[in-house]
Amino acid sequence: MKTLMQMFAEDDKGVVFFESCISLKHQKHTCIEAVPVPFDLFDEIPAYFQVRSITEGLDRKSTRLNS
């Protein structure tokens, strides 16, 4: 992840990571997506997750952001 963050930082972008976990026939699969975001919008990202958690009634763990 650190290398992806450094790569996007060269283009003046930050990275938001999303993790999805599902179970298929007793096997767990994890998918991690990296989404580049321009630095000028990067500070606003937590607000989008807070609005989503309020409007959809999600718990705090499902909207946690890792720095």
N, C-alpha and C. Protein backbone atom coordinates (compact mmCIF):
# COMPACT_ATOMS: atom_id res chain seq x y z
N MET A 1 0.82 -1.18 0.00
CA MET A 1 0.00 0.00 0.00
C MET A 1 0.87 1.26 0.00
N LYS A 2 1.97 1.20 0.73
CA LYS A 2 2.83 2.37 0.82
C LYS A 2 3.36 2.76 -0.56
N THR A 3 3.71 1.77 -1.37
CA THR A 3 4.22 2.05 -2.70
C THR A 3 3.15 2.69 -3.58
N LEU A 4 1.92 2.22 -3.48
CA LEU A 4 0.82 2.83 -4.24
C LEU A 4 0.62 4.29 -3.82
N MET A 5 0.70 4.54 -2.51
CA MET A 5 0.53 5.90 -2.02
C MET A 5 1.64 6.81 -2.56
N GLN A 6 2.87 6.31 -2.59
CA GLN A 6 3.98 7.10 -3.12
C GLN A 6 3.82 7.35 -4.62
N MET A 7 3.37 6.32 -5.35
CA MET A 7 3.19 6.46 -6.79
C MET A 7 2.15 7.54 -7.11
N PHE A 8 1.01 7.50 -6.43
CA PHE A 8 -0.03 8.48 -6.68
C PHE A 8 0.36 9.87 -6.18
N ALA A 9 1.16 9.94 -5.12
CA ALA A 9 1.61 11.23 -4.59
C ALA A 9 2.44 11.98 -5.62
N GLU A 10 3.15 11.25 -6.47
CA GLU A 10 3.92 11.90 -7.54
C GLU A 10 3.01 12.62 -8.53
N ASP A 11 1.75 12.17 -8.64
CA ASP A 11 0.76 12.81 -9.51
C ASP A 11 -0.17 13.74 -8.74
N ASP A 12 0.24 14.13 -7.52
CA ASP A 12 -0.57 15.00 -6.64
C ASP A 12 -1.93 14.40 -6.33
N LYS A 13 -1.92 13.11 -5.98
CA LYS A 13 -3.16 12.41 -5.61
C LYS A 13 -2.92 11.59 -4.35
N GLY A 14 -3.98 11.47 -3.56
CA GLY A 14 -3.97 10.57 -2.42
C GLY A 14 -4.70 9.30 -2.83
N VAL A 15 -4.75 8.32 -1.94
CA VAL A 15 -5.40 7.04 -2.27
C VAL A 15 -6.37 6.67 -1.16
N VAL A 16 -7.55 6.23 -1.55
CA VAL A 16 -8.54 5.69 -0.62
C VAL A 16 -8.62 4.20 -0.89
N PHE A 17 -8.49 3.38 0.16
CA PHE A 17 -8.54 1.93 0.02
C PHE A 17 -9.89 1.42 0.51
N PHE A 18 -10.50 0.54 -0.28
CA PHE A 18 -11.77 -0.09 0.07
C PHE A 18 -11.53 -1.59 0.17
N GLU A 19 -12.08 -2.20 1.20
CA GLU A 19 -11.93 -3.65 1.38
C GLU A 19 -13.31 -4.28 1.41
N SER A 20 -13.47 -5.33 0.62
CA SER A 20 -14.73 -6.08 0.58
C SER A 20 -14.42 -7.53 0.92
N CYS A 21 -15.21 -8.12 1.79
CA CYS A 21 -15.03 -9.53 2.16
C CYS A 21 -16.34 -10.28 1.91
N ILE A 22 -16.24 -11.41 1.24
CA ILE A 22 -17.43 -12.22 1.00
C ILE A 22 -17.07 -13.69 1.22
N SER A 23 -18.08 -14.49 1.49
CA SER A 23 -17.90 -15.94 1.64
C SER A 23 -18.60 -16.64 0.49
N LEU A 24 -17.86 -17.48 -0.18
CA LEU A 24 -18.41 -18.28 -1.26
C LEU A 24 -18.16 -19.75 -0.96
N LYS A 25 -19.22 -20.48 -0.67
CA LYS A 25 -19.11 -21.92 -0.38
C LYS A 25 -18.03 -22.21 0.65
N HIS A 26 -18.12 -21.57 1.79
CA HIS A 26 -17.23 -21.78 2.92
C HIS A 26 -15.80 -21.30 2.67
N GLN A 27 -15.58 -20.51 1.64
CA GLN A 27 -14.27 -19.92 1.39
C GLN A 27 -14.42 -18.40 1.45
N LYS A 28 -13.53 -17.76 2.18
CA LYS A 28 -13.60 -16.31 2.28
C LYS A 28 -12.69 -15.67 1.24
N HIS A 29 -13.20 -14.62 0.60
CA HIS A 29 -12.46 -13.89 -0.41
C HIS A 29 -12.43 -12.41 -0.03
N THR A 30 -11.28 -11.80 -0.19
CA THR A 30 -11.12 -10.39 0.11
C THR A 30 -10.65 -9.65 -1.14
N CYS A 31 -11.25 -8.51 -1.39
CA CYS A 31 -10.86 -7.66 -2.51
C CYS A 31 -10.52 -6.29 -1.95
N ILE A 32 -9.32 -5.80 -2.26
CA ILE A 32 -8.91 -4.47 -1.83
C ILE A 32 -8.75 -3.60 -3.07
N GLU A 33 -9.49 -2.50 -3.09
CA GLU A 33 -9.44 -1.58 -4.21
C GLU A 33 -8.73 -0.30 -3.77
N ALA A 34 -7.92 0.26 -4.68
CA ALA A 34 -7.23 1.52 -4.43
C ALA A 34 -7.78 2.56 -5.40
N VAL A 35 -8.34 3.63 -4.86
CA VAL A 35 -8.95 4.68 -5.68
C VAL A 35 -8.18 5.98 -5.51
N PRO A 36 -7.55 6.48 -6.60
CA PRO A 36 -6.82 7.74 -6.48
C PRO A 36 -7.78 8.93 -6.38
N VAL A 37 -7.43 9.88 -5.51
CA VAL A 37 -8.25 11.07 -5.30
C VAL A 37 -7.31 12.29 -5.30
N PRO A 38 -7.64 13.35 -6.04
CA PRO A 38 -6.80 14.55 -6.02
C PRO A 38 -6.65 15.09 -4.59
N PHE A 39 -5.45 15.58 -4.27
CA PHE A 39 -5.19 16.08 -2.92
C PHE A 39 -6.15 17.19 -2.49
N ASP A 40 -6.61 18.01 -3.43
CA ASP A 40 -7.52 19.10 -3.04
C ASP A 40 -8.87 18.58 -2.58
N LEU A 41 -9.25 17.36 -2.93
CA LEU A 41 -10.50 16.75 -2.47
C LEU A 41 -10.27 15.75 -1.35
N PHE A 42 -9.03 15.40 -1.10
CA PHE A 42 -8.70 14.31 -0.18
C PHE A 42 -9.19 14.57 1.24
N ASP A 43 -9.13 15.81 1.71
CA ASP A 43 -9.57 16.12 3.07
C ASP A 43 -11.08 16.02 3.25
N GLU A 44 -11.83 16.02 2.16
CA GLU A 44 -13.29 15.94 2.24
C GLU A 44 -13.81 14.51 2.26
N ILE A 45 -12.96 13.54 1.99
CA ILE A 45 -13.38 12.14 1.89
C ILE A 45 -14.08 11.64 3.16
N PRO A 46 -13.56 11.87 4.37
CA PRO A 46 -14.27 11.36 5.57
C PRO A 46 -15.71 11.84 5.68
N ALA A 47 -15.99 13.05 5.22
CA ALA A 47 -17.36 13.57 5.29
C ALA A 47 -18.32 12.74 4.45
N TYR A 48 -17.89 12.25 3.31
CA TYR A 48 -18.75 11.41 2.48
C TYR A 48 -19.09 10.10 3.17
N PHE A 49 -18.13 9.53 3.89
CA PHE A 49 -18.40 8.29 4.62
C PHE A 49 -19.33 8.54 5.80
N GLN A 50 -19.19 9.68 6.48
CA GLN A 50 -20.07 9.99 7.60
C GLN A 50 -21.50 10.18 7.13
N VAL A 51 -21.71 10.86 6.02
CA VAL A 51 -23.06 11.06 5.48
C VAL A 51 -23.65 9.72 5.10
N ARG A 52 -22.88 8.87 4.46
CA ARG A 52 -23.38 7.56 4.06
C ARG A 52 -23.78 6.73 5.28
N SER A 53 -22.96 6.75 6.33
CA SER A 53 -23.28 5.95 7.51
C SER A 53 -24.53 6.47 8.21
N ILE A 54 -24.76 7.76 8.19
CA ILE A 54 -25.96 8.33 8.81
C ILE A 54 -27.20 8.00 7.99
N THR A 55 -27.13 8.18 6.67
CA THR A 55 -28.30 7.97 5.83
C THR A 55 -28.65 6.49 5.66
N GLU A 56 -27.64 5.62 5.73
CA GLU A 56 -27.91 4.19 5.53
C GLU A 56 -27.90 3.40 6.82
N GLY A 57 -27.66 4.06 7.95
CA GLY A 57 -27.69 3.39 9.24
C GLY A 57 -26.57 2.37 9.42
N LEU A 58 -25.41 2.63 8.85
CA LEU A 58 -24.28 1.71 8.99
C LEU A 58 -23.59 1.91 10.33
N ASP A 59 -22.94 0.86 10.81
CA ASP A 59 -22.22 1.01 12.07
C ASP A 59 -20.85 1.65 11.82
N ARG A 60 -20.20 2.02 12.89
CA ARG A 60 -18.94 2.77 12.78
C ARG A 60 -17.83 1.94 12.14
N LYS A 61 -17.77 0.65 12.41
CA LYS A 61 -16.71 -0.20 11.88
C LYS A 61 -16.75 -0.27 10.35
N SER A 62 -17.92 -0.20 9.76
CA SER A 62 -18.02 -0.32 8.31
C SER A 62 -17.63 0.95 7.59
N THR A 63 -17.42 2.04 8.31
CA THR A 63 -17.06 3.30 7.66
C THR A 63 -15.70 3.81 8.14
N ARG A 64 -14.92 2.96 8.77
CA ARG A 64 -13.62 3.36 9.31
C ARG A 64 -12.64 3.62 8.16
N LEU A 65 -11.86 4.70 8.29
CA LEU A 65 -10.83 5.04 7.31
C LEU A 65 -9.47 4.81 7.93
N ASN A 66 -8.59 4.16 7.21
CA ASN A 66 -7.21 3.97 7.68
C ASN A 66 -6.33 5.02 7.05
N SER A 67 -5.50 5.64 7.87
CA SER A 67 -4.59 6.68 7.38
C SER A 67 -3.33 6.06 6.86
